Amino acid sequence: MNVHITQPRQLSLGWGWLAFLLAAAALSGGGIGAVVDRGIGYAASGAPAVRETASTKFVMPDRVYLPGVAAQDYNQALDSMGLSPPERRQMRSDIEARKVRPLWLTLWDWDTQTESGDTILIIAGDYQRLFTLSSHRTRIAIPEPRSGTIELRGERSEDGIIAISFLTGSRPVAVPYMRPGDTAKLEIDTQ
């Protein structure tokens, strides 16, 4: 009679398991560096949003390099900022008095098949602007925020998915898919 006595197998999670968990987190959009902040979503009017009851805040893991606007490009920069005439005069005055430094920000909608894409809210300190992304790279100016961060909040999308890309220096970066109400926070570097 052949009787085999078997030892119970020990479960070893090891490095393979850790690699699997990290890969699963990255593929699900919750990669390293993404911080989740749940809260009540609000529409642009300030009223609670009907569709969204929670929002997510992504903190991009790397600093974003935004070049400064050269003095000879101030008019082009001011044209790109979406300011009213009084706001434009005030911004020009602040730039000339060196109270504000304009930076170039290049954005586009990386998953749109049409010319016009998702609408986002750009927040850089006191400056806020609704901006409709396009299928091609669009360079706009923003004032350098004292906080060193800018936020890109999804506002409207035809398919319910906000897809933002931006340049850091000359390198394109895609933000993980977002929903209307979600925010991507970017720490900026101007050196």
C-alpha atoms as a PDB file:
ATOM      1  CA  MET A   1       0.000   0.000   0.000  1.00  0.00           C
ATOM      2  CA  ASN A   2       1.510   3.273  -1.164  1.00  0.00           C
ATOM      3  CA  VAL A   3       0.565   6.097   1.096  1.00  0.00           C
ATOM      4  CA  HIS A   4       1.901   9.546   0.413  1.00  0.00           C
ATOM      5  CA  ILE A   5       1.976  11.977   3.212  1.00  0.00           C
ATOM      6  CA  THR A   6       1.777  15.462   1.859  1.00  0.00           C
ATOM      7  CA  GLN A   7       2.847  18.595   3.591  1.00  0.00           C
ATOM      8  CA  PRO A   8       0.503  21.557   3.423  1.00  0.00           C
ATOM      9  CA  ARG A   9       1.773  24.071   0.849  1.00  0.00           C
ATOM     10  CA  GLN A  10       2.696  27.463   2.118  1.00  0.00           C
ATOM     11  CA  LEU A  11       1.393  30.388   0.156  1.00  0.00           C
ATOM     12  CA  SER A  12       4.208  32.693  -0.887  1.00  0.00           C
ATOM     13  CA  LEU A  13       3.155  36.079  -2.202  1.00  0.00           C
ATOM     14  CA  GLY A  14       6.656  37.350  -2.973  1.00  0.00           C
ATOM     15  CA  TRP A  15       7.643  39.992  -5.534  1.00  0.00           C
ATOM     16  CA  GLY A  16       5.477  38.578  -8.318  1.00  0.00           C
ATOM     17  CA  TRP A  17       2.318  39.343  -6.357  1.00  0.00           C
ATOM     18  CA  LEU A  18       3.478  42.899  -5.641  1.00  0.00           C
ATOM     19  CA  ALA A  19       4.246  43.459  -9.329  1.00  0.00           C
ATOM     20  CA  PHE A  20       0.775  42.164 -10.223  1.00  0.00           C
ATOM     21  CA  LEU A  21      -0.919  44.554  -7.766  1.00  0.00           C
ATOM     22  CA  LEU A  22       1.067  47.547  -9.019  1.00  0.00           C
ATOM     23  CA  ALA A  23       0.277  46.715 -12.644  1.00  0.00           C
ATOM     24  CA  ALA A  24      -3.427  46.311 -11.841  1.00  0.00           C
ATOM     25  CA  ALA A  25      -3.468  49.670 -10.031  1.00  0.00           C
ATOM     26  CA  ALA A  26      -1.746  51.417 -12.951  1.00  0.00           C
ATOM     27  CA  LEU A  27      -4.108  49.899 -15.527  1.00  0.00           C
ATOM     28  CA  SER A  28      -7.174  50.888 -13.529  1.00  0.00           C
ATOM     29  CA  GLY A  29      -6.180  54.574 -13.553  1.00  0.00           C
ATOM     30  CA  GLY A  30      -5.192  54.556  -9.897  1.00  0.00           C
ATOM     31  CA  GLY A  31      -1.483  54.450 -10.615  1.00  0.00           C
ATOM     32  CA  ILE A  32       1.252  55.643  -8.328  1.00  0.00           C
ATOM     33  CA  GLY A  33       0.876  59.351  -7.698  1.00  0.00           C
ATOM     34  CA  ALA A  34      -2.878  59.501  -8.154  1.00  0.00           C
ATOM     35  CA  VAL A  35      -4.594  60.692  -5.016  1.00  0.00           C
ATOM     36  CA  VAL A  36      -8.337  60.265  -4.724  1.00  0.00           C
ATOM     37  CA  ASP A  37     -10.427  62.961  -3.095  1.00  0.00           C
ATOM     38  CA  ARG A  38     -14.167  62.218  -2.927  1.00  0.00           C
ATOM     39  CA  GLY A  39     -16.625  65.013  -2.510  1.00  0.00           C
ATOM     40  CA  ILE A  40     -19.819  66.505  -3.865  1.00  0.00           C
ATOM     41  CA  GLY A  41     -19.618  67.519  -7.541  1.00  0.00           C
ATOM     42  CA  TYR A  42     -20.875  70.962  -8.533  1.00  0.00           C
ATOM     43  CA  ALA A  43     -21.932  72.357 -11.867  1.00  0.00           C
ATOM     44  CA  ALA A  44     -20.390  75.586 -13.178  1.00  0.00           C
ATOM     45  CA  SER A  45     -23.412  77.483 -11.783  1.00  0.00           C
ATOM     46  CA  GLY A  46     -22.532  76.421  -8.235  1.00  0.00           C
ATOM     47  CA  ALA A  47     -25.600  74.194  -7.912  1.00  0.00           C
ATOM     48  CA  PRO A  48     -25.030  70.538  -7.050  1.00  0.00           C
ATOM     49  CA  ALA A  49     -24.536  68.480 -10.184  1.00  0.00           C
ATOM     50  CA  VAL A  50     -27.376  66.080 -10.858  1.00  0.00           C
ATOM     51  CA  ARG A  51     -25.368  63.354 -12.620  1.00  0.00           C
ATOM     52  CA  GLU A  52     -22.220  63.400 -10.525  1.00  0.00           C
ATOM     53  CA  THR A  53     -22.260  62.832  -6.794  1.00  0.00           C
ATOM     54  CA  ALA A  54     -18.523  62.397  -6.334  1.00  0.00           C
ATOM     55  CA  SER A  55     -15.396  63.737  -7.964  1.00  0.00           C
ATOM     56  CA  THR A  56     -11.852  62.499  -8.170  1.00  0.00           C
ATOM     57  CA  LYS A  57      -8.712  64.583  -7.856  1.00  0.00           C
ATOM     58  CA  PHE A  58      -5.639  63.282  -9.676  1.00  0.00           C
ATOM     59  CA  VAL A  59      -2.259  64.583  -8.585  1.00  0.00           C
ATOM     60  CA  MET A  60       0.174  64.081 -11.426  1.00  0.00           C
ATOM     61  CA  PRO A  61       3.334  62.375 -10.127  1.00  0.00           C
ATOM     62  CA  ASP A  62       5.874  64.577 -11.934  1.00  0.00           C
ATOM     63  CA  ARG A  63       6.298  68.328 -12.033  1.00  0.00           C
ATOM     64  CA  VAL A  64       5.201  69.961 -15.274  1.00  0.00           C
ATOM     65  CA  TYR A  65       7.575  72.337 -17.040  1.00  0.00           C
ATOM     66  CA  LEU A  66       5.811  75.416 -18.469  1.00  0.00           C
ATOM     67  CA  PRO A  67       7.980  77.944 -20.313  1.00  0.00           C
ATOM     68  CA  GLY A  68       7.660  81.642 -19.595  1.00  0.00           C
ATOM     69  CA  VAL A  69       6.257  83.985 -22.243  1.00  0.00           C
ATOM     70  CA  ALA A  70       8.929  86.214 -23.828  1.00  0.00           C
ATOM     71  CA  ALA A  71       8.306  89.975 -23.748  1.00  0.00           C
ATOM     72  CA  GLN A  72       7.860  90.142 -27.526  1.00  0.00           C
ATOM     73  CA  ASP A  73       5.013  87.574 -27.237  1.00  0.00           C
ATOM     74  CA  TYR A  74       2.943  89.399 -24.584  1.00  0.00           C
ATOM     75  CA  ASN A  75       0.251  90.505 -27.078  1.00  0.00           C
ATOM     76  CA  GLN A  76      -0.138  86.964 -28.410  1.00  0.00           C
ATOM     77  CA  ALA A  77      -0.270  85.652 -24.835  1.00  0.00           C
ATOM     78  CA  LEU A  78      -2.927  88.167 -23.803  1.00  0.00           C
ATOM     79  CA  ASP A  79      -4.977  87.299 -26.923  1.00  0.00           C
ATOM     80  CA  SER A  80      -4.926  83.615 -25.905  1.00  0.00           C
ATOM     81  CA  MET A  81      -6.103  84.133 -22.303  1.00  0.00           C
ATOM     82  CA  GLY A  82      -9.823  84.691 -22.956  1.00  0.00           C
ATOM     83  CA  LEU A  83      -9.926  87.962 -20.994  1.00  0.00           C
ATOM     84  CA  SER A  84     -12.490  90.765 -21.204  1.00  0.00           C
ATOM     85  CA  PRO A  85     -11.063  94.175 -22.257  1.00  0.00           C
ATOM     86  CA  PRO A  86     -10.840  95.479 -18.650  1.00  0.00           C
ATOM     87  CA  GLU A  87      -9.252  92.178 -17.482  1.00  0.00           C
ATOM     88  CA  ARG A  88      -6.792  92.351 -20.381  1.00  0.00           C
ATOM     89  CA  ARG A  89      -5.740  95.908 -19.451  1.00  0.00           C
ATOM     90  CA  GLN A  90      -5.277  94.868 -15.810  1.00  0.00           C
ATOM     91  CA  MET A  91      -3.294  91.743 -16.803  1.00  0.00           C
ATOM     92  CA  ARG A  92      -1.039  93.780 -19.121  1.00  0.00           C
ATOM     93  CA  SER A  93      -0.449  96.285 -16.303  1.00  0.00           C
ATOM     94  CA  ASP A  94       0.372  93.474 -13.866  1.00  0.00           C
ATOM     95  CA  ILE A  95       2.746  91.826 -16.374  1.00  0.00           C
ATOM     96  CA  GLU A  96       4.551  95.104 -17.095  1.00  0.00           C
ATOM     97  CA  ALA A  97       4.828  95.823 -13.344  1.00  0.00           C
ATOM     98  CA  ARG A  98       6.215  92.265 -12.917  1.00  0.00           C
ATOM     99  CA  LYS A  99       3.403  91.341 -10.514  1.00  0.00           C
ATOM    100  CA  VAL A 100       2.408  88.487 -12.836  1.00  0.00           C
ATOM    101  CA  ARG A 101       4.508  86.242 -15.024  1.00  0.00           C
ATOM    102  CA  PRO A 102       2.679  84.627 -17.982  1.00  0.00           C
ATOM    103  CA  LEU A 103       3.455  80.994 -18.839  1.00  0.00           C
ATOM    104  CA  TRP A 104       2.667  78.966 -21.963  1.00  0.00           C
ATOM    105  CA  LEU A 105       0.368  75.963 -21.493  1.00  0.00           C
ATOM    106  CA  THR A 106      -0.246  73.631 -24.453  1.00  0.00           C
ATOM    107  CA  LEU A 107      -3.384  71.443 -24.249  1.00  0.00           C
ATOM    108  CA  TRP A 108      -5.461  69.111 -26.431  1.00  0.00           C
ATOM    109  CA  ASP A 109      -8.110  66.381 -26.236  1.00  0.00           C
ATOM    110  CA  TRP A 110      -6.230  63.143 -26.904  1.00  0.00           C
ATOM    111  CA  ASP A 111      -9.228  60.943 -27.722  1.00  0.00           C
ATOM    112  CA  THR A 112     -11.486  63.157 -29.834  1.00  0.00           C
ATOM    113  CA  GLN A 113     -12.262  62.301 -33.438  1.00  0.00           C
ATOM    114  CA  THR A 114     -13.748  65.736 -34.137  1.00  0.00           C
ATOM    115  CA  GLU A 115     -12.228  69.211 -34.213  1.00  0.00           C
ATOM    116  CA  SER A 116     -13.846  70.261 -30.927  1.00  0.00           C
ATOM    117  CA  GLY A 117     -13.474  68.109 -27.825  1.00  0.00           C
ATOM    118  CA  ASP A 118     -14.069  68.225 -24.082  1.00  0.00           C
ATOM    119  CA  THR A 119     -14.501  71.418 -22.061  1.00  0.00           C
ATOM    120  CA  ILE A 120     -12.348  71.962 -18.980  1.00  0.00           C
ATOM    121  CA  LEU A 121     -11.933  74.661 -16.352  1.00  0.00           C
ATOM    122  CA  ILE A 122      -8.347  75.896 -15.969  1.00  0.00           C
ATOM    123  CA  ILE A 123      -7.564  77.221 -12.491  1.00  0.00           C
ATOM    124  CA  ALA A 124      -4.249  78.999 -11.900  1.00  0.00           C
ATOM    125  CA  GLY A 125      -4.439  80.970  -8.669  1.00  0.00           C
ATOM    126  CA  ASP A 126      -7.121  83.660  -9.132  1.00  0.00           C
ATOM    127  CA  TYR A 127      -7.292  83.039 -12.900  1.00  0.00           C
ATOM    128  CA  GLN A 128     -10.081  80.725 -14.062  1.00  0.00           C
ATOM    129  CA  ARG A 129     -11.086  79.981 -17.616  1.00  0.00           C
ATOM    130  CA  LEU A 130     -13.431  77.574 -19.362  1.00  0.00           C
ATOM    131  CA  PHE A 131     -11.568  76.115 -22.334  1.00  0.00           C
ATOM    132  CA  THR A 132     -12.771  73.741 -25.042  1.00  0.00           C
ATOM    133  CA  LEU A 133     -10.011  71.348 -26.016  1.00  0.00           C
ATOM    134  CA  SER A 134      -9.443  70.546 -29.665  1.00  0.00           C
ATOM    135  CA  SER A 135      -7.961  67.576 -31.496  1.00  0.00           C
ATOM    136  CA  HIS A 136      -4.747  69.526 -32.121  1.00  0.00           C
ATOM    137  CA  ARG A 137      -2.320  71.165 -29.726  1.00  0.00           C
ATOM    138  CA  THR A 138      -3.394  74.645 -28.648  1.00  0.00           C
ATOM    139  CA  ARG A 139      -1.018  76.985 -26.836  1.00  0.00           C
ATOM    140  CA  ILE A 140      -2.528  79.454 -24.387  1.00  0.00           C
ATOM    141  CA  ALA A 141      -1.053  81.669 -21.702  1.00  0.00           C
ATOM    142  CA  ILE A 142      -1.868  81.473 -18.012  1.00  0.00           C
ATOM    143  CA  PRO A 143      -0.537  83.586 -15.157  1.00  0.00           C
ATOM    144  CA  GLU A 144       2.020  81.788 -13.007  1.00  0.00           C
ATOM    145  CA  PRO A 145       0.155  80.853  -9.808  1.00  0.00           C
ATOM    146  CA  ARG A 146       1.847  81.658  -6.511  1.00  0.00           C
ATOM    147  CA  SER A 147       0.850  78.218  -5.223  1.00  0.00           C
ATOM    148  CA  GLY A 148       2.973  76.538  -7.895  1.00  0.00           C
ATOM    149  CA  THR A 149       0.017  74.393  -9.013  1.00  0.00           C
ATOM    150  CA  ILE A 150      -2.673  74.551 -11.651  1.00  0.00           C
ATOM    151  CA  GLU A 151      -5.848  72.517 -11.778  1.00  0.00           C
ATOM    152  CA  LEU A 152      -7.637  71.190 -14.831  1.00  0.00           C
ATOM    153  CA  ARG A 153     -11.252  70.262 -14.012  1.00  0.00           C
ATOM    154  CA  GLY A 154     -13.454  68.352 -16.423  1.00  0.00           C
ATOM    155  CA  GLU A 155     -16.653  70.272 -17.179  1.00  0.00           C
ATOM    156  CA  ARG A 156     -18.387  68.861 -20.268  1.00  0.00           C
ATOM    157  CA  SER A 157     -17.912  65.904 -22.577  1.00  0.00           C
ATOM    158  CA  GLU A 158     -20.081  64.348 -25.289  1.00  0.00           C
ATOM    159  CA  ASP A 159     -19.103  60.807 -24.268  1.00  0.00           C
ATOM    160  CA  GLY A 160     -18.788  61.377 -20.491  1.00  0.00           C
ATOM    161  CA  ILE A 161     -14.994  60.946 -20.614  1.00  0.00           C
ATOM    162  CA  ILE A 162     -12.592  63.871 -20.241  1.00  0.00           C
ATOM    163  CA  ALA A 163      -9.273  63.203 -22.014  1.00  0.00           C
ATOM    164  CA  ILE A 164      -6.636  65.898 -21.463  1.00  0.00           C
ATOM    165  CA  SER A 165      -3.108  66.006 -22.820  1.00  0.00           C
ATOM    166  CA  PHE A 166      -0.546  68.722 -22.192  1.00  0.00           C
ATOM    167  CA  LEU A 167       3.100  69.428 -22.908  1.00  0.00           C
ATOM    168  CA  THR A 168       5.771  69.477 -20.237  1.00  0.00           C
ATOM    169  CA  GLY A 169       8.622  71.110 -22.095  1.00  0.00           C
ATOM    170  CA  SER A 170       8.369  69.320 -25.453  1.00  0.00           C
ATOM    171  CA  ARG A 171       7.142  65.987 -23.995  1.00  0.00           C
ATOM    172  CA  PRO A 172       3.429  65.157 -24.314  1.00  0.00           C
ATOM    173  CA  VAL A 173       1.647  63.799 -21.234  1.00  0.00           C
ATOM    174  CA  ALA A 174      -1.843  62.270 -21.106  1.00  0.00           C
ATOM    175  CA  VAL A 175      -3.897  62.629 -17.940  1.00  0.00           C
ATOM    176  CA  PRO A 176      -5.789  59.429 -17.002  1.00  0.00           C
ATOM    177  CA  TYR A 177      -9.405  59.420 -18.169  1.00  0.00           C
ATOM    178  CA  MET A 178     -11.553  61.705 -16.051  1.00  0.00           C
ATOM    179  CA  ARG A 179     -15.297  62.351 -15.671  1.00  0.00           C
ATOM    180  CA  PRO A 180     -16.972  65.752 -15.574  1.00  0.00           C
ATOM    181  CA  GLY A 181     -16.214  67.153 -12.109  1.00  0.00           C
ATOM    182  CA  ASP A 182     -12.866  65.336 -11.766  1.00  0.00           C
ATOM    183  CA  THR A 183      -9.724  67.447 -11.336  1.00  0.00           C
ATOM    184  CA  ALA A 184      -6.092  66.944 -12.342  1.00  0.00           C
ATOM    185  CA  LYS A 185      -3.657  68.907 -10.186  1.00  0.00           C
ATOM    186  CA  LEU A 186      -0.329  69.800 -11.805  1.00  0.00           C
ATOM    187  CA  GLU A 187       2.704  71.054  -9.914  1.00  0.00           C
ATOM    188  CA  ILE A 188       4.527  73.374 -12.246  1.00  0.00           C
ATOM    189  CA  ASP A 189       8.188  74.125 -12.786  1.00  0.00           C
ATOM    190  CA  THR A 190       9.297  77.165 -14.761  1.00  0.00           C
ATOM    191  CA  GLN A 191      13.081  76.760 -14.648  1.00  0.00           C
END
